[in-house]
């Protein structure tokens, strides 16, 4: 944060160009503009690091649906040894969940 404060202080002094300051501080001009704009709009509070996490998750599963899935998964029983691998139909059952795989394939 001290680096940002020093940067915007020098930037607002009008003694240096944006390019000179960015080169001196080892930052891109895009970052320099971002710091300068945040300082102009919000003052020192705009220089505080901001979270990069999204403000909302639009594709999140509803809590009620999530609880239902967890509750239902408790009732799924693992397959017995005989049906663990059914090579005739190409199905592999692991932990009660079927996973289909291809045994062999040739273009024909």
C-alpha atoms as a PDB file:
ATOM      1  CA  UNK A   1       0.000   0.000   0.000  1.00  0.00           C
ATOM      2  CA  UNK A   2       2.935   2.342   0.692  1.00  0.00           C
ATOM      3  CA  UNK A   3       4.088   1.905  -2.903  1.00  0.00           C
ATOM      4  CA  UNK A   4       0.648   2.913  -4.185  1.00  0.00           C
ATOM      5  CA  UNK A   5       0.525   5.948  -1.902  1.00  0.00           C
ATOM      6  CA  UNK A   6       3.953   7.112  -3.033  1.00  0.00           C
ATOM      7  CA  UNK A   7       2.989   6.540  -6.671  1.00  0.00           C
ATOM      8  CA  UNK A   8      -0.215   8.603  -6.526  1.00  0.00           C
ATOM      9  CA  UNK A   9       1.537  11.297  -4.488  1.00  0.00           C
ATOM     10  CA  UNK A  10       4.202  11.695  -7.180  1.00  0.00           C
ATOM     11  CA  UNK A  11       1.580  11.427  -9.923  1.00  0.00           C
ATOM     12  CA  UNK A  12      -0.494  14.253  -8.478  1.00  0.00           C
ATOM     13  CA  UNK A  13       2.610  16.473  -8.107  1.00  0.00           C
ATOM     14  CA  UNK A  14       2.720  16.834 -11.909  1.00  0.00           C
ATOM     15  CA  UNK A  15       6.538  16.621 -11.854  1.00  0.00           C
ATOM     16  CA  UNK A  16       6.593  13.236 -13.610  1.00  0.00           C
ATOM     17  CA  UNK A  17       4.736  11.640 -16.479  1.00  0.00           C
ATOM     18  CA  UNK A  18       2.697   8.485 -16.004  1.00  0.00           C
ATOM     19  CA  UNK A  19       5.203   6.549 -18.129  1.00  0.00           C
ATOM     20  CA  UNK A  20       8.175   7.720 -16.064  1.00  0.00           C
ATOM     21  CA  UNK A  21       6.525   6.776 -12.800  1.00  0.00           C
ATOM     22  CA  UNK A  22       5.377   3.392 -14.049  1.00  0.00           C
ATOM     23  CA  UNK A  23       8.862   2.570 -15.282  1.00  0.00           C
ATOM     24  CA  UNK A  24      10.389   3.698 -11.952  1.00  0.00           C
ATOM     25  CA  UNK A  25       7.910   1.651  -9.905  1.00  0.00           C
ATOM     26  CA  UNK A  26       8.130  -1.376 -12.205  1.00  0.00           C
ATOM     27  CA  UNK A  27       4.422  -1.469 -13.019  1.00  0.00           C
ATOM     28  CA  UNK A  28       2.484  -1.300 -16.270  1.00  0.00           C
ATOM     29  CA  UNK A  29       0.805   1.909 -17.379  1.00  0.00           C
ATOM     30  CA  UNK A  30      -2.518   0.091 -17.121  1.00  0.00           C
ATOM     31  CA  UNK A  31      -1.854  -0.555 -13.419  1.00  0.00           C
ATOM     32  CA  UNK A  32      -0.656   3.038 -12.945  1.00  0.00           C
ATOM     33  CA  UNK A  33      -3.854   4.393 -14.501  1.00  0.00           C
ATOM     34  CA  UNK A  34      -5.924   2.044 -12.348  1.00  0.00           C
ATOM     35  CA  UNK A  35      -4.214   3.259  -9.158  1.00  0.00           C
ATOM     36  CA  UNK A  36      -4.512   6.890 -10.231  1.00  0.00           C
ATOM     37  CA  UNK A  37      -8.199   6.549 -11.117  1.00  0.00           C
ATOM     38  CA  UNK A  38      -9.024   4.773  -7.854  1.00  0.00           C
ATOM     39  CA  UNK A  39      -7.239   7.470  -5.881  1.00  0.00           C
ATOM     40  CA  UNK A  40      -9.069  10.220  -7.778  1.00  0.00           C
ATOM     41  CA  UNK A  41     -12.487   8.651  -7.122  1.00  0.00           C
ATOM     42  CA  UNK A  42     -12.061   7.141  -3.620  1.00  0.00           C
ATOM     43  CA  UNK A  43      -8.982   8.820  -2.129  1.00  0.00           C
ATOM     44  CA  UNK A  44      -6.654   6.635  -0.017  1.00  0.00           C
ATOM     45  CA  UNK A  45      -9.464   4.118   0.509  1.00  0.00           C
ATOM     46  CA  UNK A  46      -9.299   3.333  -3.220  1.00  0.00           C
ATOM     47  CA  UNK A  47      -5.734   2.059  -2.815  1.00  0.00           C
ATOM     48  CA  UNK A  48      -6.676  -0.710  -0.374  1.00  0.00           C
ATOM     49  CA  UNK A  49      -6.319  -4.136  -2.062  1.00  0.00           C
ATOM     50  CA  UNK A  50      -9.650  -5.382  -3.379  1.00  0.00           C
ATOM     51  CA  UNK A  51     -10.877  -8.959  -3.497  1.00  0.00           C
ATOM     52  CA  UNK A  52     -10.697 -10.676  -6.863  1.00  0.00           C
ATOM     53  CA  UNK A  53     -13.462 -13.106  -5.927  1.00  0.00           C
ATOM     54  CA  UNK A  54     -16.709 -12.707  -7.837  1.00  0.00           C
ATOM     55  CA  UNK A  55     -19.404 -10.765  -6.014  1.00  0.00           C
ATOM     56  CA  UNK A  56     -21.957 -13.442  -6.872  1.00  0.00           C
ATOM     57  CA  UNK A  57     -21.916 -16.942  -8.321  1.00  0.00           C
ATOM     58  CA  UNK A  58     -24.683 -17.291 -10.882  1.00  0.00           C
ATOM     59  CA  UNK A  59     -24.282 -21.006 -11.573  1.00  0.00           C
ATOM     60  CA  UNK A  60     -24.199 -22.151  -7.945  1.00  0.00           C
ATOM     61  CA  UNK A  61     -26.392 -25.102  -6.999  1.00  0.00           C
ATOM     62  CA  UNK A  62     -29.237 -24.120  -4.685  1.00  0.00           C
ATOM     63  CA  UNK A  63     -28.634 -25.123  -1.038  1.00  0.00           C
ATOM     64  CA  UNK A  64     -31.824 -27.220  -0.913  1.00  0.00           C
ATOM     65  CA  UNK A  65     -30.770 -29.179  -4.020  1.00  0.00           C
ATOM     66  CA  UNK A  66     -27.285 -29.674  -2.594  1.00  0.00           C
ATOM     67  CA  UNK A  67     -28.705 -31.072   0.671  1.00  0.00           C
ATOM     68  CA  UNK A  68     -30.995 -33.409  -1.302  1.00  0.00           C
ATOM     69  CA  UNK A  69     -28.081 -34.758  -3.367  1.00  0.00           C
ATOM     70  CA  UNK A  70     -25.998 -35.384  -0.244  1.00  0.00           C
ATOM     71  CA  UNK A  71     -28.930 -37.108   1.485  1.00  0.00           C
ATOM     72  CA  UNK A  72     -29.696 -39.303  -1.537  1.00  0.00           C
ATOM     73  CA  UNK A  73     -26.049 -40.279  -2.033  1.00  0.00           C
ATOM     74  CA  UNK A  74     -26.060 -41.872   1.422  1.00  0.00           C
ATOM     75  CA  UNK A  75     -28.529 -44.496   0.127  1.00  0.00           C
ATOM     76  CA  UNK A  76     -26.394 -45.606  -2.830  1.00  0.00           C
ATOM     77  CA  UNK A  77     -24.755 -48.948  -2.093  1.00  0.00           C
ATOM     78  CA  UNK A  78     -21.471 -50.002  -3.687  1.00  0.00           C
ATOM     79  CA  UNK A  79     -21.829 -52.790  -6.242  1.00  0.00           C
ATOM     80  CA  UNK A  80     -20.967 -56.351  -5.236  1.00  0.00           C
ATOM     81  CA  UNK A  81     -17.849 -58.140  -6.517  1.00  0.00           C
ATOM     82  CA  UNK A  82     -19.689 -59.959  -9.359  1.00  0.00           C
ATOM     83  CA  UNK A  83     -21.016 -56.760 -10.929  1.00  0.00           C
ATOM     84  CA  UNK A  84     -17.890 -54.720 -10.159  1.00  0.00           C
ATOM     85  CA  UNK A  85     -16.823 -55.083 -13.781  1.00  0.00           C
ATOM     86  CA  UNK A  86     -19.247 -56.237 -16.418  1.00  0.00           C
ATOM     87  CA  UNK A  87     -17.095 -56.672 -19.499  1.00  0.00           C
ATOM     88  CA  UNK A  88     -19.985 -57.941 -21.616  1.00  0.00           C
ATOM     89  CA  UNK A  89     -21.717 -54.584 -21.667  1.00  0.00           C
ATOM     90  CA  UNK A  90     -18.610 -52.440 -21.134  1.00  0.00           C
ATOM     91  CA  UNK A  91     -19.732 -50.941 -17.832  1.00  0.00           C
ATOM     92  CA  UNK A  92     -17.578 -50.388 -14.765  1.00  0.00           C
ATOM     93  CA  UNK A  93     -19.410 -49.711 -11.517  1.00  0.00           C
ATOM     94  CA  UNK A  94     -17.306 -47.968  -8.874  1.00  0.00           C
ATOM     95  CA  UNK A  95     -18.772 -46.781  -5.571  1.00  0.00           C
ATOM     96  CA  UNK A  96     -22.282 -47.256  -6.920  1.00  0.00           C
ATOM     97  CA  UNK A  97     -21.810 -44.943  -9.908  1.00  0.00           C
ATOM     98  CA  UNK A  98     -21.693 -46.464 -13.400  1.00  0.00           C
ATOM     99  CA  UNK A  99     -18.862 -45.349 -15.650  1.00  0.00           C
ATOM    100  CA  UNK A 100     -19.144 -46.495 -19.262  1.00  0.00           C
ATOM    101  CA  UNK A 101     -15.944 -47.279 -21.125  1.00  0.00           C
ATOM    102  CA  UNK A 102     -15.197 -48.724 -24.562  1.00  0.00           C
ATOM    103  CA  UNK A 103     -13.480 -52.126 -24.545  1.00  0.00           C
ATOM    104  CA  UNK A 104     -12.340 -52.081 -28.138  1.00  0.00           C
ATOM    105  CA  UNK A 105     -13.270 -50.176 -31.215  1.00  0.00           C
ATOM    106  CA  UNK A 106     -12.206 -50.387 -34.788  1.00  0.00           C
ATOM    107  CA  UNK A 107     -13.469 -48.255 -37.652  1.00  0.00           C
ATOM    108  CA  UNK A 108     -15.545 -50.318 -39.865  1.00  0.00           C
END
